[in-house]
Structures are given as structure tokens and as C-alpha cells.
């Protein structure tokens, strides 16, 4: 589906800039969201960090790309959830 001129203007097509804005009504951490558009930023910093790590990973040893993405945080209250995740029990 081709982008219209407005979407093309506000979307970072290279994927190098990820936007995080918890105050935006269209912000979401959905798996379908790439976070590279001002029209639909990520809601949390954690989601942007996961996507940034995914972009920088390359197969093989010692060849990951560093400094490939920039995370742009918009003003607002950003909360980090540091609770432990799920663990496998024997």
C-alpha cells in the first residue's frame, strides 16, 4: 500500500529513529507497530529498546551494528516496569 504525502513526511522509512510518546492517543506497543512514525509512536521506552535491539542484531559472532537507531523521547512522564518476567519452574 503506497503512503500518501503526509504519511511519507512523518514516517522515518529507514527505521533509524524510533518515537516514544506516552501522551499521544495513537501511541501503542502493539506488535504491529514499528514505532518509526510520528503518527503512531511507541507508548513505552521498553518497547522502543526491544525494537532497537532487534534492528541491530545480525547473525554471526561479534558483528552486531551499534548506534544504528535513535530513540526520540517526547516530553511527558515515562514509567519503567522493572518487575521480573515469567520464569520456567521445574
PDB file of N, CA and C in Angstrom:
ATOM      1  N   UNK A   1       0.846  -1.160   0.000  1.00  0.00           N
ATOM      2  CA  UNK A   1       0.000   0.000   0.000  1.00  0.00           C
ATOM      3  C   UNK A   1       0.900   1.234   0.000  1.00  0.00           C
ATOM      4  N   UNK A   2       0.792   2.133  -0.983  1.00  0.00           N
ATOM      5  CA  UNK A   2       1.637   3.310  -1.030  1.00  0.00           C
ATOM      6  C   UNK A   2       1.231   4.317   0.036  1.00  0.00           C
ATOM      7  N   UNK A   3       2.225   5.048   0.495  1.00  0.00           N
ATOM      8  CA  UNK A   3       1.978   6.072   1.502  1.00  0.00           C
ATOM      9  C   UNK A   3       1.497   7.349   0.831  1.00  0.00           C
ATOM     10  N   UNK A   4       0.586   8.062   1.479  1.00  0.00           N
ATOM     11  CA  UNK A   4       0.241   9.368   0.943  1.00  0.00           C
ATOM     12  C   UNK A   4       1.326  10.363   1.350  1.00  0.00           C
ATOM     13  N   UNK A   5       1.254  11.585   0.870  1.00  0.00           N
ATOM     14  CA  UNK A   5       2.333  12.550   1.100  1.00  0.00           C
ATOM     15  C   UNK A   5       2.520  12.855   2.580  1.00  0.00           C
ATOM     16  N   UNK A   6       1.446  12.970   3.335  1.00  0.00           N
ATOM     17  CA  UNK A   6       1.556  13.262   4.757  1.00  0.00           C
ATOM     18  C   UNK A   6       2.208  12.111   5.504  1.00  0.00           C
ATOM     19  N   UNK A   7       1.777  10.876   5.241  1.00  0.00           N
ATOM     20  CA  UNK A   7       2.382   9.722   5.900  1.00  0.00           C
ATOM     21  C   UNK A   7       3.847   9.582   5.528  1.00  0.00           C
ATOM     22  N   UNK A   8       4.180   9.866   4.295  1.00  0.00           N
ATOM     23  CA  UNK A   8       5.559   9.787   3.846  1.00  0.00           C
ATOM     24  C   UNK A   8       6.417  10.830   4.554  1.00  0.00           C
ATOM     25  N   UNK A   9       5.839  11.988   4.837  1.00  0.00           N
ATOM     26  CA  UNK A   9       6.562  13.059   5.512  1.00  0.00           C
ATOM     27  C   UNK A   9       6.837  12.719   6.973  1.00  0.00           C
ATOM     28  N   UNK A  10       5.867  12.110   7.652  1.00  0.00           N
ATOM     29  CA  UNK A  10       6.022  11.878   9.087  1.00  0.00           C
ATOM     30  C   UNK A  10       6.576  10.503   9.427  1.00  0.00           C
ATOM     31  N   UNK A  11       6.805   9.644   8.435  1.00  0.00           N
ATOM     32  CA  UNK A  11       7.316   8.307   8.701  1.00  0.00           C
ATOM     33  C   UNK A  11       8.795   8.238   8.353  1.00  0.00           C
ATOM     34  N   UNK A  12       9.582   7.698   9.267  1.00  0.00           N
ATOM     35  CA  UNK A  12      11.006   7.511   9.032  1.00  0.00           C
ATOM     36  C   UNK A  12      11.172   6.160   8.353  1.00  0.00           C
ATOM     37  N   UNK A  13      11.365   6.169   7.039  1.00  0.00           N
ATOM     38  CA  UNK A  13      11.359   4.925   6.272  1.00  0.00           C
ATOM     39  C   UNK A  13      12.593   4.070   6.505  1.00  0.00           C
ATOM     40  N   UNK A  14      13.700   4.659   6.938  1.00  0.00           N
ATOM     41  CA  UNK A  14      14.898   3.870   7.186  1.00  0.00           C
ATOM     42  C   UNK A  14      14.824   3.115   8.505  1.00  0.00           C
ATOM     43  N   UNK A  15      13.915   3.498   9.392  1.00  0.00           N
ATOM     44  CA  UNK A  15      13.770   2.825  10.669  1.00  0.00           C
ATOM     45  C   UNK A  15      14.850   3.191  11.676  1.00  0.00           C
ATOM     46  N   UNK A  16      15.575   4.261  11.433  1.00  0.00           N
ATOM     47  CA  UNK A  16      16.666   4.635  12.322  1.00  0.00           C
ATOM     48  C   UNK A  16      16.203   5.457  13.519  1.00  0.00           C
ATOM     49  N   UNK A  17      15.047   6.082  13.437  1.00  0.00           N
ATOM     50  CA  UNK A  17      14.519   6.869  14.553  1.00  0.00           C
ATOM     51  C   UNK A  17      13.240   6.208  15.035  1.00  0.00           C
ATOM     52  N   UNK A  18      13.204   5.885  16.327  1.00  0.00           N
ATOM     53  CA  UNK A  18      12.012   5.314  16.953  1.00  0.00           C
ATOM     54  C   UNK A  18      11.433   6.364  17.883  1.00  0.00           C
ATOM     55  N   UNK A  19      10.145   6.579  17.807  1.00  0.00           N
ATOM     56  CA  UNK A  19       9.474   7.618  18.575  1.00  0.00           C
ATOM     57  C   UNK A  19       8.747   7.016  19.767  1.00  0.00           C
ATOM     58  N   UNK A  20       8.854   7.684  20.924  1.00  0.00           N
ATOM     59  CA  UNK A  20       8.153   7.260  22.142  1.00  0.00           C
ATOM     60  C   UNK A  20       7.410   8.468  22.689  1.00  0.00           C
ATOM     61  N   UNK A  21       6.090   8.350  22.790  1.00  0.00           N
ATOM     62  CA  UNK A  21       5.266   9.438  23.308  1.00  0.00           C
ATOM     63  C   UNK A  21       4.107   8.841  24.100  1.00  0.00           C
ATOM     64  N   UNK A  22       4.237   8.784  25.433  1.00  0.00           N
ATOM     65  CA  UNK A  22       3.162   8.174  26.230  1.00  0.00           C
ATOM     66  C   UNK A  22       1.882   9.003  26.258  1.00  0.00           C
ATOM     67  N   UNK A  23       1.946  10.281  25.867  1.00  0.00           N
ATOM     68  CA  UNK A  23       0.768  11.144  25.917  1.00  0.00           C
ATOM     69  C   UNK A  23      -0.031  11.158  24.617  1.00  0.00           C
ATOM     70  N   UNK A  24       0.482  10.538  23.574  1.00  0.00           N
ATOM     71  CA  UNK A  24      -0.204  10.510  22.281  1.00  0.00           C
ATOM     72  C   UNK A  24      -1.347   9.497  22.332  1.00  0.00           C
ATOM     73  N   UNK A  25      -2.510   9.889  21.839  1.00  0.00           N
ATOM     74  CA  UNK A  25      -3.664   8.991  21.858  1.00  0.00           C
ATOM     75  C   UNK A  25      -3.487   7.809  20.914  1.00  0.00           C
ATOM     76  N   UNK A  26      -2.683   7.961  19.867  1.00  0.00           N
ATOM     77  CA  UNK A  26      -2.458   6.878  18.908  1.00  0.00           C
ATOM     78  C   UNK A  26      -1.247   6.025  19.255  1.00  0.00           C
ATOM     79  N   UNK A  27      -0.558   6.330  20.360  1.00  0.00           N
ATOM     80  CA  UNK A  27       0.625   5.557  20.756  1.00  0.00           C
ATOM     81  C   UNK A  27       0.203   4.158  21.201  1.00  0.00           C
ATOM     82  N   UNK A  28       0.989   3.176  20.776  1.00  0.00           N
ATOM     83  CA  UNK A  28       0.687   1.792  21.129  1.00  0.00           C
ATOM     84  C   UNK A  28       1.966   0.964  21.136  1.00  0.00           C
ATOM     85  N   UNK A  29       1.991  -0.062  21.942  1.00  0.00           N
ATOM     86  CA  UNK A  29       3.106  -1.000  21.982  1.00  0.00           C
ATOM     87  C   UNK A  29       2.731  -2.299  21.268  1.00  0.00           C
ATOM     88  N   UNK A  30       1.779  -2.216  20.384  1.00  0.00           N
ATOM     89  CA  UNK A  30       1.323  -3.382  19.632  1.00  0.00           C
ATOM     90  C   UNK A  30       2.459  -3.984  18.818  1.00  0.00           C
ATOM     91  N   UNK A  31       2.395  -5.277  18.600  1.00  0.00           N
ATOM     92  CA  UNK A  31       3.421  -5.972  17.820  1.00  0.00           C
ATOM     93  C   UNK A  31       3.408  -5.493  16.371  1.00  0.00           C
ATOM     94  N   UNK A  32       2.292  -4.963  15.901  1.00  0.00           N
ATOM     95  CA  UNK A  32       2.190  -4.462  14.534  1.00  0.00           C
ATOM     96  C   UNK A  32       2.799  -3.078  14.360  1.00  0.00           C
ATOM     97  N   UNK A  33       3.039  -2.366  15.460  1.00  0.00           N
ATOM     98  CA  UNK A  33       3.595  -1.018  15.398  1.00  0.00           C
ATOM     99  C   UNK A  33       5.107  -1.081  15.279  1.00  0.00           C
ATOM    100  N   UNK A  34       5.671  -0.374  14.298  1.00  0.00           N
ATOM    101  CA  UNK A  34       7.115  -0.330  14.125  1.00  0.00           C
ATOM    102  C   UNK A  34       7.740   0.842  14.875  1.00  0.00           C
ATOM    103  N   UNK A  35       6.944   1.813  15.289  1.00  0.00           N
ATOM    104  CA  UNK A  35       7.446   2.928  16.077  1.00  0.00           C
ATOM    105  C   UNK A  35       8.232   3.956  15.300  1.00  0.00           C
ATOM    106  N   UNK A  36       8.307   3.836  13.985  1.00  0.00           N
ATOM    107  CA  UNK A  36       9.099   4.775  13.198  1.00  0.00           C
ATOM    108  C   UNK A  36       8.245   5.855  12.552  1.00  0.00           C
ATOM    109  N   UNK A  37       7.074   6.116  13.108  1.00  0.00           N
ATOM    110  CA  UNK A  37       6.179   7.129  12.574  1.00  0.00           C
ATOM    111  C   UNK A  37       5.726   8.058  13.694  1.00  0.00           C
ATOM    112  N   UNK A  38       5.709   9.349  13.403  1.00  0.00           N
ATOM    113  CA  UNK A  38       5.186  10.308  14.373  1.00  0.00           C
ATOM    114  C   UNK A  38       3.693  10.112  14.585  1.00  0.00           C
ATOM    115  N   UNK A  39       3.016   9.548  13.594  1.00  0.00           N
ATOM    116  CA  UNK A  39       1.573   9.337  13.698  1.00  0.00           C
ATOM    117  C   UNK A  39       1.225   8.201  14.655  1.00  0.00           C
ATOM    118  N   UNK A  40       2.135   7.234  14.840  1.00  0.00           N
ATOM    119  CA  UNK A  40       1.881   6.116  15.748  1.00  0.00           C
ATOM    120  C   UNK A  40       3.174   5.727  16.465  1.00  0.00           C
ATOM    121  N   UNK A  41       3.532   6.494  17.494  1.00  0.00           N
ATOM    122  CA  UNK A  41       4.761   6.185  18.241  1.00  0.00           C
ATOM    123  C   UNK A  41       4.536   5.051  19.229  1.00  0.00           C
ATOM    124  N   UNK A  42       5.629   4.617  19.843  1.00  0.00           N
ATOM    125  CA  UNK A  42       5.514   3.649  20.922  1.00  0.00           C
ATOM    126  C   UNK A  42       5.015   4.356  22.170  1.00  0.00           C
ATOM    127  N   UNK A  43       4.389   3.593  23.061  1.00  0.00           N
ATOM    128  CA  UNK A  43       3.883   4.149  24.314  1.00  0.00           C
ATOM    129  C   UNK A  43       4.945   4.080  25.416  1.00  0.00           C
ATOM    130  N   UNK A  44       5.844   3.082  25.370  1.00  0.00           N
ATOM    131  CA  UNK A  44       6.828   2.897  26.433  1.00  0.00           C
ATOM    132  C   UNK A  44       8.248   2.831  25.882  1.00  0.00           C
ATOM    133  N   UNK A  45       9.193   3.154  26.734  1.00  0.00           N
ATOM    134  CA  UNK A  45      10.608   3.097  26.395  1.00  0.00           C
ATOM    135  C   UNK A  45      11.032   1.640  26.203  1.00  0.00           C
ATOM    136  N   UNK A  46      10.475   0.732  27.004  1.00  0.00           N
ATOM    137  CA  UNK A  46      10.846  -0.680  26.887  1.00  0.00           C
ATOM    138  C   UNK A  46      10.591  -1.231  25.487  1.00  0.00           C
ATOM    139  N   UNK A  47       9.462  -0.887  24.914  1.00  0.00           N
ATOM    140  CA  UNK A  47       9.131  -1.380  23.566  1.00  0.00           C
ATOM    141  C   UNK A  47      10.107  -0.823  22.541  1.00  0.00           C
ATOM    142  N   UNK A  48      10.498   0.434  22.695  1.00  0.00           N
ATOM    143  CA  UNK A  48      11.469   1.037  21.775  1.00  0.00           C
ATOM    144  C   UNK A  48      12.833   0.370  21.922  1.00  0.00           C
ATOM    145  N   UNK A  49      13.224   0.022  23.139  1.00  0.00           N
ATOM    146  CA  UNK A  49      14.510  -0.651  23.340  1.00  0.00           C
ATOM    147  C   UNK A  49      14.511  -2.047  22.727  1.00  0.00           C
ATOM    148  N   UNK A  50      13.400  -2.761  22.853  1.00  0.00           N
ATOM    149  CA  UNK A  50      13.305  -4.084  22.232  1.00  0.00           C
ATOM    150  C   UNK A  50      13.404  -3.993  20.707  1.00  0.00           C
ATOM    151  N   UNK A  51      12.712  -3.025  20.137  1.00  0.00           N
ATOM    152  CA  UNK A  51      12.738  -2.879  18.686  1.00  0.00           C
ATOM    153  C   UNK A  51      14.125  -2.427  18.211  1.00  0.00           C
ATOM    154  N   UNK A  52      14.777  -1.582  18.981  1.00  0.00           N
ATOM    155  CA  UNK A  52      16.129  -1.138  18.645  1.00  0.00           C
ATOM    156  C   UNK A  52      17.109  -2.305  18.678  1.00  0.00           C
ATOM    157  N   UNK A  53      16.980  -3.170  19.669  1.00  0.00           N
ATOM    158  CA  UNK A  53      17.845  -4.348  19.752  1.00  0.00           C
ATOM    159  C   UNK A  53      17.587  -5.289  18.584  1.00  0.00           C
ATOM    160  N   UNK A  54      16.348  -5.409  18.183  1.00  0.00           N
ATOM    161  CA  UNK A  54      16.006  -6.270  17.044  1.00  0.00           C
ATOM    162  C   UNK A  54      16.617  -5.740  15.750  1.00  0.00           C
ATOM    163  N   UNK A  55      16.612  -4.414  15.566  1.00  0.00           N
ATOM    164  CA  UNK A  55      17.193  -3.814  14.364  1.00  0.00           C
ATOM    165  C   UNK A  55      18.704  -3.989  14.317  1.00  0.00           C
ATOM    166  N   UNK A  56      19.366  -4.004  15.476  1.00  0.00           N
ATOM    167  CA  UNK A  56      20.828  -4.024  15.489  1.00  0.00           C
ATOM    168  C   UNK A  56      21.415  -5.438  15.435  1.00  0.00           C
ATOM    169  N   UNK A  57      20.588  -6.463  15.564  1.00  0.00           N
ATOM    170  CA  UNK A  57      21.088  -7.837  15.596  1.00  0.00           C
ATOM    171  C   UNK A  57      21.402  -8.345  14.191  1.00  0.00           C
ATOM    172  N   UNK A  58      22.563  -8.951  14.029  1.00  0.00           N
ATOM    173  CA  UNK A  58      22.943  -9.625  12.790  1.00  0.00           C
ATOM    174  C   UNK A  58      23.429 -11.020  13.139  1.00  0.00           C
ATOM    175  N   UNK A  59      23.169 -11.994  12.282  1.00  0.00           N
ATOM    176  CA  UNK A  59      23.626 -13.363  12.519  1.00  0.00           C
ATOM    177  C   UNK A  59      25.150 -13.413  12.489  1.00  0.00           C
ATOM    178  N   UNK A  60      25.696 -14.290  13.305  1.00  0.00           N
ATOM    179  CA  UNK A  60      27.149 -14.447  13.342  1.00  0.00           C
ATOM    180  C   UNK A  60      27.724 -13.932  14.649  1.00  0.00           C
ATOM    181  N   UNK A  61      29.027 -14.043  14.770  1.00  0.00           N
ATOM    182  CA  UNK A  61      29.703 -13.630  16.002  1.00  0.00           C
ATOM    183  C   UNK A  61      30.302 -12.232  15.859  1.00  0.00           C
ATOM    184  N   UNK A  62      30.122 -11.427  16.901  1.00  0.00           N
ATOM    185  CA  UNK A  62      30.751 -10.107  17.021  1.00  0.00           C
ATOM    186  C   UNK A  62      30.522  -9.207  15.813  1.00  0.00           C
ATOM    187  N   UNK A  63      29.328  -9.188  15.251  1.00  0.00           N
ATOM    188  CA  UNK A  63      29.067  -8.312  14.116  1.00  0.00           C
ATOM    189  C   UNK A  63      27.785  -7.505  14.259  1.00  0.00           C
ATOM    190  N   UNK A  64      27.281  -7.352  15.470  1.00  0.00           N
ATOM    191  CA  UNK A  64      26.082  -6.547  15.682  1.00  0.00           C
ATOM    192  C   UNK A  64      26.386  -5.088  15.381  1.00  0.00           C
ATOM    193  N   UNK A  65      25.398  -4.408  14.829  1.00  0.00           N
ATOM    194  CA  UNK A  65      25.549  -2.999  14.482  1.00  0.00           C
ATOM    195  C   UNK A  65      25.204  -2.169  15.712  1.00  0.00           C
ATOM    196  N   UNK A  66      26.113  -1.304  16.125  1.00  0.00           N
ATOM    197  CA  UNK A  66      25.823  -0.403  17.241  1.00  0.00           C
ATOM    198  C   UNK A  66      25.551   0.988  16.690  1.00  0.00           C
ATOM    199  N   UNK A  67      24.857   1.770  17.451  1.00  0.00           N
ATOM    200  CA  UNK A  67      24.496   3.140  17.086  1.00  0.00           C
ATOM    201  C   UNK A  67      23.705   3.198  15.783  1.00  0.00           C
ATOM    202  N   UNK A  68      22.851   2.203  15.565  1.00  0.00           N
ATOM    203  CA  UNK A  68      22.052   2.184  14.339  1.00  0.00           C
ATOM    204  C   UNK A  68      20.749   2.949  14.503  1.00  0.00           C
ATOM    205  N   UNK A  69      20.177   2.934  15.695  1.00  0.00           N
ATOM    206  CA  UNK A  69      18.889   3.590  15.893  1.00  0.00           C
ATOM    207  C   UNK A  69      18.982   4.679  16.955  1.00  0.00           C
ATOM    208  N   UNK A  70      18.092   5.640  16.825  1.00  0.00           N
ATOM    209  CA  UNK A  70      17.941   6.711  17.801  1.00  0.00           C
ATOM    210  C   UNK A  70      16.532   6.620  18.359  1.00  0.00           C
ATOM    211  N   UNK A  71      16.409   6.707  19.672  1.00  0.00           N
ATOM    212  CA  UNK A  71      15.094   6.705  20.313  1.00  0.00           C
ATOM    213  C   UNK A  71      14.782   8.137  20.719  1.00  0.00           C
ATOM    214  N   UNK A  72      13.742   8.687  20.124  1.00  0.00           N
ATOM    215  CA  UNK A  72      13.343  10.067  20.384  1.00  0.00           C
ATOM    216  C   UNK A  72      12.225  10.062  21.413  1.00  0.00           C
ATOM    217  N   UNK A  73      12.522  10.575  22.608  1.00  0.00           N
ATOM    218  CA  UNK A  73      11.533  10.627  23.690  1.00  0.00           C
ATOM    219  C   UNK A  73      10.853  11.984  23.684  1.00  0.00           C
ATOM    220  N   UNK A  74       9.548  11.979  23.595  1.00  0.00           N
ATOM    221  CA  UNK A  74       8.792  13.217  23.680  1.00  0.00           C
ATOM    222  C   UNK A  74       8.586  13.570  25.146  1.00  0.00           C
ATOM    223  N   UNK A  75       8.354  14.842  25.457  1.00  0.00           N
ATOM    224  CA  UNK A  75       8.136  15.234  26.857  1.00  0.00           C
ATOM    225  C   UNK A  75       6.933  14.509  27.447  1.00  0.00           C
ATOM    226  N   UNK A  76       7.030  14.187  28.700  1.00  0.00           N
ATOM    227  CA  UNK A  76       5.941  13.507  29.381  1.00  0.00           C
ATOM    228  C   UNK A  76       6.489  12.644  30.498  1.00  0.00           C
ATOM    229  N   UNK A  77       5.625  11.961  31.174  1.00  0.00           N
ATOM    230  CA  UNK A  77       6.029  11.086  32.267  1.00  0.00           C
ATOM    231  C   UNK A  77       6.220   9.677  31.722  1.00  0.00           C
ATOM    232  N   UNK A  78       7.469   9.224  31.727  1.00  0.00           N
ATOM    233  CA  UNK A  78       7.814   7.899  31.240  1.00  0.00           C
ATOM    234  C   UNK A  78       8.038   6.984  32.437  1.00  0.00           C
ATOM    235  N   UNK A  79       7.275   5.916  32.521  1.00  0.00           N
ATOM    236  CA  UNK A  79       7.444   4.973  33.625  1.00  0.00           C
ATOM    237  C   UNK A  79       8.063   3.690  33.092  1.00  0.00           C
ATOM    238  N   UNK A  80       8.938   3.097  33.886  1.00  0.00           N
ATOM    239  CA  UNK A  80       9.625   1.865  33.519  1.00  0.00           C
ATOM    240  C   UNK A  80       9.129   0.759  34.435  1.00  0.00           C
ATOM    241  N   UNK A  81       8.752  -0.363  33.841  1.00  0.00           N
ATOM    242  CA  UNK A  81       8.264  -1.507  34.603  1.00  0.00           C
ATOM    243  C   UNK A  81       9.426  -2.481  34.793  1.00  0.00           C
ATOM    244  N   UNK A  82       9.984  -2.540  36.003  1.00  0.00           N
ATOM    245  CA  UNK A  82      11.129  -3.401  36.288  1.00  0.00           C
ATOM    246  C   UNK A  82      10.752  -4.683  37.014  1.00  0.00           C
ATOM    247  N   UNK A  83       9.494  -5.048  36.950  1.00  0.00           N
ATOM    248  CA  UNK A  83       9.093  -6.298  37.588  1.00  0.00           C
ATOM    249  C   UNK A  83       9.712  -7.469  36.857  1.00  0.00           C
ATOM    250  N   UNK A  84      10.015  -8.540  37.576  1.00  0.00           N
ATOM    251  CA  UNK A  84      10.589  -9.707  36.901  1.00  0.00           C
ATOM    252  C   UNK A  84       9.574 -10.342  35.959  1.00  0.00           C
ATOM    253  N   UNK A  85      10.068 -10.935  34.895  1.00  0.00           N
ATOM    254  CA  UNK A  85       9.196 -11.600  33.934  1.00  0.00           C
ATOM    255  C   UNK A  85       8.843 -13.004  34.378  1.00  0.00           C
ATOM    256  N   UNK A  86       8.274 -13.758  33.493  1.00  0.00           N
ATOM    257  CA  UNK A  86       7.896 -15.134  33.798  1.00  0.00           C
ATOM    258  C   UNK A  86       9.135 -16.020  33.804  1.00  0.00           C
ATOM    259  N   UNK A  87       9.138 -17.026  34.639  1.00  0.00           N
ATOM    260  CA  UNK A  87      10.244 -17.975  34.717  1.00  0.00           C
ATOM    261  C   UNK A  87       9.692 -19.386  34.557  1.00  0.00           C
ATOM    262  N   UNK A  88      10.513 -20.261  34.045  1.00  0.00           N
ATOM    263  CA  UNK A  88      10.119 -21.663  33.899  1.00  0.00           C
ATOM    264  C   UNK A  88      10.474 -22.393  35.184  1.00  0.00           C
ATOM    265  N   UNK A  89       9.474 -23.054  35.768  1.00  0.00           N
ATOM    266  CA  UNK A  89       9.701 -23.782  37.009  1.00  0.00           C
ATOM    267  C   UNK A  89       9.758 -25.272  36.720  1.00  0.00           C
ATOM    268  N   UNK A  90      10.624 -25.959  37.432  1.00  0.00           N
ATOM    269  CA  UNK A  90      10.747 -27.424  37.264  1.00  0.00           C
ATOM    270  C   UNK A  90       9.591 -28.135  37.926  1.00  0.00           C
TER     271      UNK A  90
END
